[in-house]
Amino acid sequence: MQKKTDRRVRKTKSQLRMGLARLMKEKSIGEITVRELVDEVDINRSTFYLHYSDIPSLLREIEDGMMDEMKRAIREHPIDIRENKMLYFIQDIFQVLAANREIGCALVGPHGDIGFIRQIEQLLEENSRDMLAEMFPEKLEEMKYFYSFCLNGCLGFVKTWLEDGADKSPEYAARLTFQMVVSSMKAFYETAEEPSENR
C-alpha cells in the first residue's frame, strides 16, 4: 500500500512540475495561480494543497532538488581542468538538465527565476575560484571578466540546448561545452596585458 501511495504522490508531483513548466513559458511565477495550475494538469486544488502551500513552494522544491543534484555532481567530480575532471562534471550537469528539460527550459527562459540562475553561477564560481587562481596567479584582477564570459556563454549554450537540442545527447553537449571552456581558458592565459599607456 505504501509503494502505491508513493507512486501516486510521485505521479502527482510530476504532473504539477510539468504543468508549472508549461505555464512559466507564458508568464512569471508571480502571475501563476493555484487554480490555473490545477486546471492545467486536471487535478483538484485539495490535492495540490496536500503537497504544497502555494506555487512558490512548489518551485522551491524543484529548484532545491536541481541544486542538490549539482552539488552532488561537484562532490563526485571536483572541478579541475588539469585532470579533465571538468568534462565528467559537465557531463553530469547536462544529464541533470536532460532529466529536467521542461522545467529547466522554463527556469532559464524569459519568465524564469533569475535568483536561481545566480545561485548556480555562485556555486560554480565558488568551486572553481581556487583552481583558477592557482593556474593564473598573475591574472587575478582580470578573473572577473573571464568568469563573466564563461558563465554567460555557458548559460546561453544551456538555454539553446534545452530549447532546441533535444536531438543532441547530454554527452555531446557536455563535450562541446568543455571544448569551448578550454579554448576560452587558453585565450585568457595567452591574452597580453593591457598596454600601460591605456590604463
C-alpha atoms as a PDB file:
ATOM      1  CA  MET A   1       0.000   0.000   0.000  1.00  0.00           C
ATOM      2  CA  GLN A   2       2.865   2.360   0.866  1.00  0.00           C
ATOM      3  CA  LYS A   3       4.515   1.800  -2.528  1.00  0.00           C
ATOM      4  CA  LYS A   4       1.242   2.504  -4.328  1.00  0.00           C
ATOM      5  CA  THR A   5       0.823   5.708  -2.316  1.00  0.00           C
ATOM      6  CA  ASP A   6       4.394   6.777  -3.041  1.00  0.00           C
ATOM      7  CA  ARG A   7       3.879   6.109  -6.747  1.00  0.00           C
ATOM      8  CA  ARG A   8       0.715   8.210  -6.734  1.00  0.00           C
ATOM      9  CA  VAL A   9       2.499  11.072  -4.976  1.00  0.00           C
ATOM     10  CA  ARG A  10       5.375  10.958  -7.476  1.00  0.00           C
ATOM     11  CA  LYS A  11       2.912  10.992 -10.370  1.00  0.00           C
ATOM     12  CA  THR A  12       1.011  13.964  -8.927  1.00  0.00           C
ATOM     13  CA  LYS A  13       4.201  15.931  -8.290  1.00  0.00           C
ATOM     14  CA  SER A  14       5.437  15.128 -11.788  1.00  0.00           C
ATOM     15  CA  GLN A  15       2.180  16.412 -13.283  1.00  0.00           C
ATOM     16  CA  LEU A  16       2.408  19.626 -11.273  1.00  0.00           C
ATOM     17  CA  ARG A  17       6.033  20.070 -12.257  1.00  0.00           C
ATOM     18  CA  MET A  18       5.267  19.677 -15.964  1.00  0.00           C
ATOM     19  CA  GLY A  19       2.242  21.933 -15.716  1.00  0.00           C
ATOM     20  CA  LEU A  20       4.257  24.626 -13.978  1.00  0.00           C
ATOM     21  CA  ALA A  21       6.944  24.392 -16.684  1.00  0.00           C
ATOM     22  CA  ARG A  22       4.334  24.940 -19.397  1.00  0.00           C
ATOM     23  CA  LEU A  23       2.777  27.916 -17.617  1.00  0.00           C
ATOM     24  CA  MET A  24       6.181  29.514 -16.902  1.00  0.00           C
ATOM     25  CA  LYS A  25       6.800  29.692 -20.637  1.00  0.00           C
ATOM     26  CA  GLU A  26       3.904  32.148 -20.821  1.00  0.00           C
ATOM     27  CA  LYS A  27       4.067  34.118 -17.568  1.00  0.00           C
ATOM     28  CA  SER A  28       6.139  34.788 -14.468  1.00  0.00           C
ATOM     29  CA  ILE A  29       5.845  32.684 -11.325  1.00  0.00           C
ATOM     30  CA  GLY A  30       4.073  35.537  -9.525  1.00  0.00           C
ATOM     31  CA  GLU A  31       1.300  35.549 -12.124  1.00  0.00           C
ATOM     32  CA  ILE A  32       0.519  31.820 -11.936  1.00  0.00           C
ATOM     33  CA  THR A  33      -2.335  30.849  -9.626  1.00  0.00           C
ATOM     34  CA  VAL A  34      -3.034  27.510  -7.985  1.00  0.00           C
ATOM     35  CA  ARG A  35      -6.373  27.366  -9.815  1.00  0.00           C
ATOM     36  CA  GLU A  36      -4.633  27.885 -13.131  1.00  0.00           C
ATOM     37  CA  LEU A  37      -2.070  25.168 -12.415  1.00  0.00           C
ATOM     38  CA  VAL A  38      -4.531  22.519 -11.234  1.00  0.00           C
ATOM     39  CA  ASP A  39      -6.753  23.212 -14.253  1.00  0.00           C
ATOM     40  CA  GLU A  40      -3.687  22.801 -16.472  1.00  0.00           C
ATOM     41  CA  VAL A  41      -2.933  19.318 -15.101  1.00  0.00           C
ATOM     42  CA  ASP A  42      -6.530  18.326 -14.271  1.00  0.00           C
ATOM     43  CA  ILE A  43      -6.219  17.663 -10.559  1.00  0.00           C
ATOM     44  CA  ASN A  44      -8.129  19.034  -7.550  1.00  0.00           C
ATOM     45  CA  ARG A  45      -6.996  22.058  -5.574  1.00  0.00           C
ATOM     46  CA  SER A  46      -7.169  19.932  -2.425  1.00  0.00           C
ATOM     47  CA  THR A  47      -4.652  17.513  -3.970  1.00  0.00           C
ATOM     48  CA  PHE A  48      -2.272  20.382  -4.646  1.00  0.00           C
ATOM     49  CA  TYR A  49      -2.546  21.591  -1.045  1.00  0.00           C
ATOM     50  CA  LEU A  50      -1.729  18.110   0.266  1.00  0.00           C
ATOM     51  CA  HIS A  51       1.804  18.691  -1.013  1.00  0.00           C
ATOM     52  CA  TYR A  52       2.404  22.458  -1.284  1.00  0.00           C
ATOM     53  CA  SER A  53       1.254  25.615   0.444  1.00  0.00           C
ATOM     54  CA  ASP A  54       1.483  27.723  -2.714  1.00  0.00           C
ATOM     55  CA  ILE A  55       3.107  27.972  -6.154  1.00  0.00           C
ATOM     56  CA  PRO A  56       6.448  29.342  -4.836  1.00  0.00           C
ATOM     57  CA  SER A  57       6.795  26.339  -2.503  1.00  0.00           C
ATOM     58  CA  LEU A  58       6.431  24.012  -5.496  1.00  0.00           C
ATOM     59  CA  LEU A  59       9.054  25.961  -7.426  1.00  0.00           C
ATOM     60  CA  ARG A  60      11.357  25.967  -4.397  1.00  0.00           C
ATOM     61  CA  GLU A  61      11.174  22.165  -4.115  1.00  0.00           C
ATOM     62  CA  ILE A  62      12.047  21.835  -7.811  1.00  0.00           C
ATOM     63  CA  GLU A  63      14.967  24.256  -7.583  1.00  0.00           C
ATOM     64  CA  ASP A  64      16.289  22.725  -4.350  1.00  0.00           C
ATOM     65  CA  GLY A  65      16.249  19.293  -5.974  1.00  0.00           C
ATOM     66  CA  MET A  66      18.180  20.522  -9.009  1.00  0.00           C
ATOM     67  CA  MET A  67      20.666  22.388  -6.818  1.00  0.00           C
ATOM     68  CA  ASP A  68      21.229  19.263  -4.697  1.00  0.00           C
ATOM     69  CA  GLU A  69      21.989  17.329  -7.887  1.00  0.00           C
ATOM     70  CA  MET A  70      24.517  19.947  -8.977  1.00  0.00           C
ATOM     71  CA  LYS A  71      26.220  19.895  -5.583  1.00  0.00           C
ATOM     72  CA  ARG A  72      26.377  16.101  -5.807  1.00  0.00           C
ATOM     73  CA  ALA A  73      27.999  16.406  -9.246  1.00  0.00           C
ATOM     74  CA  ILE A  74      30.666  18.710  -7.793  1.00  0.00           C
ATOM     75  CA  ARG A  75      31.323  16.345  -4.876  1.00  0.00           C
ATOM     76  CA  GLU A  76      31.702  13.387  -7.220  1.00  0.00           C
ATOM     77  CA  HIS A  77      33.657  15.283  -9.904  1.00  0.00           C
ATOM     78  CA  PRO A  78      35.606  18.169  -8.299  1.00  0.00           C
ATOM     79  CA  ILE A  79      36.230  20.876 -10.893  1.00  0.00           C
ATOM     80  CA  ASP A  80      39.796  20.551 -12.124  1.00  0.00           C
ATOM     81  CA  ILE A  81      40.611  21.302 -15.753  1.00  0.00           C
ATOM     82  CA  ARG A  82      44.117  19.875 -15.411  1.00  0.00           C
ATOM     83  CA  GLU A  83      42.888  16.322 -14.964  1.00  0.00           C
ATOM     84  CA  ASN A  84      39.902  16.571 -17.301  1.00  0.00           C
ATOM     85  CA  LYS A  85      37.627  16.131 -14.279  1.00  0.00           C
ATOM     86  CA  MET A  86      35.683  19.113 -15.527  1.00  0.00           C
ATOM     87  CA  LEU A  87      34.456  17.081 -18.515  1.00  0.00           C
ATOM     88  CA  TYR A  88      32.875  14.480 -16.230  1.00  0.00           C
ATOM     89  CA  PHE A  89      31.376  17.231 -14.088  1.00  0.00           C
ATOM     90  CA  ILE A  90      29.862  18.949 -17.151  1.00  0.00           C
ATOM     91  CA  GLN A  91      28.501  15.616 -18.419  1.00  0.00           C
ATOM     92  CA  ASP A  92      26.838  15.051 -15.058  1.00  0.00           C
ATOM     93  CA  ILE A  93      25.294  18.537 -15.127  1.00  0.00           C
ATOM     94  CA  PHE A  94      23.889  18.024 -18.631  1.00  0.00           C
ATOM     95  CA  GLN A  95      22.396  14.698 -17.560  1.00  0.00           C
ATOM     96  CA  VAL A  96      20.668  16.505 -14.675  1.00  0.00           C
ATOM     97  CA  LEU A  97      19.408  19.130 -17.138  1.00  0.00           C
ATOM     98  CA  ALA A  98      18.215  16.464 -19.579  1.00  0.00           C
ATOM     99  CA  ALA A  99      16.195  14.814 -16.805  1.00  0.00           C
ATOM    100  CA  ASN A 100      14.652  18.217 -16.032  1.00  0.00           C
ATOM    101  CA  ARG A 101      14.452  19.595 -19.588  1.00  0.00           C
ATOM    102  CA  GLU A 102      10.959  21.127 -19.439  1.00  0.00           C
ATOM    103  CA  ILE A 103      11.329  22.916 -16.104  1.00  0.00           C
ATOM    104  CA  GLY A 104      14.959  23.764 -16.865  1.00  0.00           C
ATOM    105  CA  CYS A 105      13.888  25.436 -20.092  1.00  0.00           C
ATOM    106  CA  ALA A 106      11.294  27.442 -18.165  1.00  0.00           C
ATOM    107  CA  LEU A 107      13.779  28.468 -15.462  1.00  0.00           C
ATOM    108  CA  VAL A 108      16.259  29.964 -17.956  1.00  0.00           C
ATOM    109  CA  GLY A 109      13.534  31.422 -20.170  1.00  0.00           C
ATOM    110  CA  PRO A 110      12.151  34.989 -20.171  1.00  0.00           C
ATOM    111  CA  HIS A 111       9.790  34.198 -17.263  1.00  0.00           C
ATOM    112  CA  GLY A 112      12.332  32.145 -15.328  1.00  0.00           C
ATOM    113  CA  ASP A 113      13.859  32.634 -11.894  1.00  0.00           C
ATOM    114  CA  ILE A 114      16.945  34.851 -12.142  1.00  0.00           C
ATOM    115  CA  GLY A 115      17.644  34.226  -8.457  1.00  0.00           C
ATOM    116  CA  PHE A 116      18.072  30.514  -9.130  1.00  0.00           C
ATOM    117  CA  ILE A 117      20.404  31.234 -12.045  1.00  0.00           C
ATOM    118  CA  ARG A 118      22.515  33.436  -9.750  1.00  0.00           C
ATOM    119  CA  GLN A 119      22.708  30.602  -7.197  1.00  0.00           C
ATOM    120  CA  ILE A 120      24.088  28.278  -9.876  1.00  0.00           C
ATOM    121  CA  GLU A 121      26.614  30.881 -11.008  1.00  0.00           C
ATOM    122  CA  GLN A 122      27.752  31.407  -7.399  1.00  0.00           C
ATOM    123  CA  LEU A 123      28.051  27.645  -6.829  1.00  0.00           C
ATOM    124  CA  LEU A 124      30.235  27.219  -9.921  1.00  0.00           C
ATOM    125  CA  GLU A 125      32.386  30.227  -9.097  1.00  0.00           C
ATOM    126  CA  GLU A 126      32.959  29.129  -5.507  1.00  0.00           C
ATOM    127  CA  ASN A 127      34.055  25.674  -6.655  1.00  0.00           C
ATOM    128  CA  SER A 128      36.409  26.830  -9.411  1.00  0.00           C
ATOM    129  CA  ARG A 129      37.883  30.034  -7.933  1.00  0.00           C
ATOM    130  CA  ASP A 130      40.820  28.410  -6.107  1.00  0.00           C
ATOM    131  CA  MET A 131      41.790  26.243  -9.073  1.00  0.00           C
ATOM    132  CA  LEU A 132      41.802  29.196 -11.476  1.00  0.00           C
ATOM    133  CA  ALA A 133      43.680  31.409  -9.022  1.00  0.00           C
ATOM    134  CA  GLU A 134      46.349  28.711  -8.780  1.00  0.00           C
ATOM    135  CA  MET A 135      46.519  28.327 -12.557  1.00  0.00           C
ATOM    136  CA  PHE A 136      46.548  32.061 -13.338  1.00  0.00           C
ATOM    137  CA  PRO A 137      48.015  33.832 -10.262  1.00  0.00           C
ATOM    138  CA  GLU A 138      49.174  36.750 -12.394  1.00  0.00           C
ATOM    139  CA  LYS A 139      45.668  37.380 -13.730  1.00  0.00           C
ATOM    140  CA  LEU A 140      43.594  37.602 -10.565  1.00  0.00           C
ATOM    141  CA  GLU A 141      42.437  41.152 -11.329  1.00  0.00           C
ATOM    142  CA  GLU A 142      41.067  40.102 -14.727  1.00  0.00           C
ATOM    143  CA  MET A 143      39.438  36.924 -13.422  1.00  0.00           C
ATOM    144  CA  LYS A 144      36.002  38.550 -13.078  1.00  0.00           C
ATOM    145  CA  TYR A 145      35.926  39.151 -16.832  1.00  0.00           C
ATOM    146  CA  PHE A 146      36.762  35.531 -17.543  1.00  0.00           C
ATOM    147  CA  TYR A 147      34.033  34.365 -15.164  1.00  0.00           C
ATOM    148  CA  SER A 148      31.523  36.684 -16.795  1.00  0.00           C
ATOM    149  CA  PHE A 149      32.426  35.462 -20.276  1.00  0.00           C
ATOM    150  CA  CYS A 150      32.321  31.768 -19.393  1.00  0.00           C
ATOM    151  CA  LEU A 151      29.242  31.823 -17.179  1.00  0.00           C
ATOM    152  CA  ASN A 152      27.138  33.867 -19.585  1.00  0.00           C
ATOM    153  CA  GLY A 153      28.375  31.854 -22.544  1.00  0.00           C
ATOM    154  CA  CYS A 154      27.570  28.566 -20.835  1.00  0.00           C
ATOM    155  CA  LEU A 155      24.156  29.832 -19.769  1.00  0.00           C
ATOM    156  CA  GLY A 156      23.389  30.825 -23.359  1.00  0.00           C
ATOM    157  CA  PHE A 157      24.546  27.403 -24.577  1.00  0.00           C
ATOM    158  CA  VAL A 158      22.384  25.617 -21.989  1.00  0.00           C
ATOM    159  CA  LYS A 159      19.343  27.730 -22.900  1.00  0.00           C
ATOM    160  CA  THR A 160      19.723  26.937 -26.611  1.00  0.00           C
ATOM    161  CA  TRP A 161      20.283  23.231 -25.931  1.00  0.00           C
ATOM    162  CA  LEU A 162      17.270  22.983 -23.620  1.00  0.00           C
ATOM    163  CA  GLU A 163      15.027  24.731 -26.145  1.00  0.00           C
ATOM    164  CA  ASP A 164      16.279  23.283 -29.440  1.00  0.00           C
ATOM    165  CA  GLY A 165      18.713  20.471 -28.717  1.00  0.00           C
ATOM    166  CA  ALA A 166      16.523  17.529 -27.745  1.00  0.00           C
ATOM    167  CA  ASP A 167      18.207  15.523 -30.514  1.00  0.00           C
ATOM    168  CA  LYS A 168      21.674  16.268 -29.085  1.00  0.00           C
ATOM    169  CA  SER A 169      22.740  13.997 -26.227  1.00  0.00           C
ATOM    170  CA  PRO A 170      23.936  15.329 -22.858  1.00  0.00           C
ATOM    171  CA  GLU A 171      27.336  13.790 -23.645  1.00  0.00           C
ATOM    172  CA  TYR A 172      27.559  15.693 -26.938  1.00  0.00           C
ATOM    173  CA  ALA A 173      26.516  18.975 -25.282  1.00  0.00           C
ATOM    174  CA  ALA A 174      28.993  18.429 -22.427  1.00  0.00           C
ATOM    175  CA  ARG A 175      31.934  17.725 -24.739  1.00  0.00           C
ATOM    176  CA  LEU A 176      31.192  20.790 -26.856  1.00  0.00           C
ATOM    177  CA  THR A 177      30.878  22.968 -23.748  1.00  0.00           C
ATOM    178  CA  PHE A 178      34.120  21.543 -22.353  1.00  0.00           C
ATOM    179  CA  GLN A 179      35.993  22.262 -25.584  1.00  0.00           C
ATOM    180  CA  MET A 180      34.760  25.865 -25.636  1.00  0.00           C
ATOM    181  CA  VAL A 181      35.651  26.434 -21.968  1.00  0.00           C
ATOM    182  CA  VAL A 182      39.148  25.025 -22.516  1.00  0.00           C
ATOM    183  CA  SER A 183      39.596  27.248 -25.595  1.00  0.00           C
ATOM    184  CA  SER A 184      38.452  30.262 -23.570  1.00  0.00           C
ATOM    185  CA  MET A 185      40.916  29.448 -20.790  1.00  0.00           C
ATOM    186  CA  LYS A 186      43.732  29.153 -23.312  1.00  0.00           C
ATOM    187  CA  ALA A 187      42.815  32.508 -24.850  1.00  0.00           C
ATOM    188  CA  PHE A 188      42.564  34.088 -21.393  1.00  0.00           C
ATOM    189  CA  TYR A 189      46.003  32.779 -20.447  1.00  0.00           C
ATOM    190  CA  GLU A 190      47.600  33.997 -23.675  1.00  0.00           C
ATOM    191  CA  THR A 191      45.999  37.458 -23.657  1.00  0.00           C
ATOM    192  CA  ALA A 192      48.626  40.153 -23.365  1.00  0.00           C
ATOM    193  CA  GLU A 193      48.316  42.686 -20.575  1.00  0.00           C
ATOM    194  CA  GLU A 194      46.708  45.980 -21.439  1.00  0.00           C
ATOM    195  CA  PRO A 195      49.369  48.496 -22.568  1.00  0.00           C
ATOM    196  CA  SER A 196      50.358  50.770 -19.712  1.00  0.00           C
ATOM    197  CA  GLU A 197      49.571  53.941 -21.675  1.00  0.00           C
ATOM    198  CA  ASN A 198      45.918  52.869 -21.919  1.00  0.00           C
ATOM    199  CA  ARG A 199      45.484  52.314 -18.220  1.00  0.00           C
END
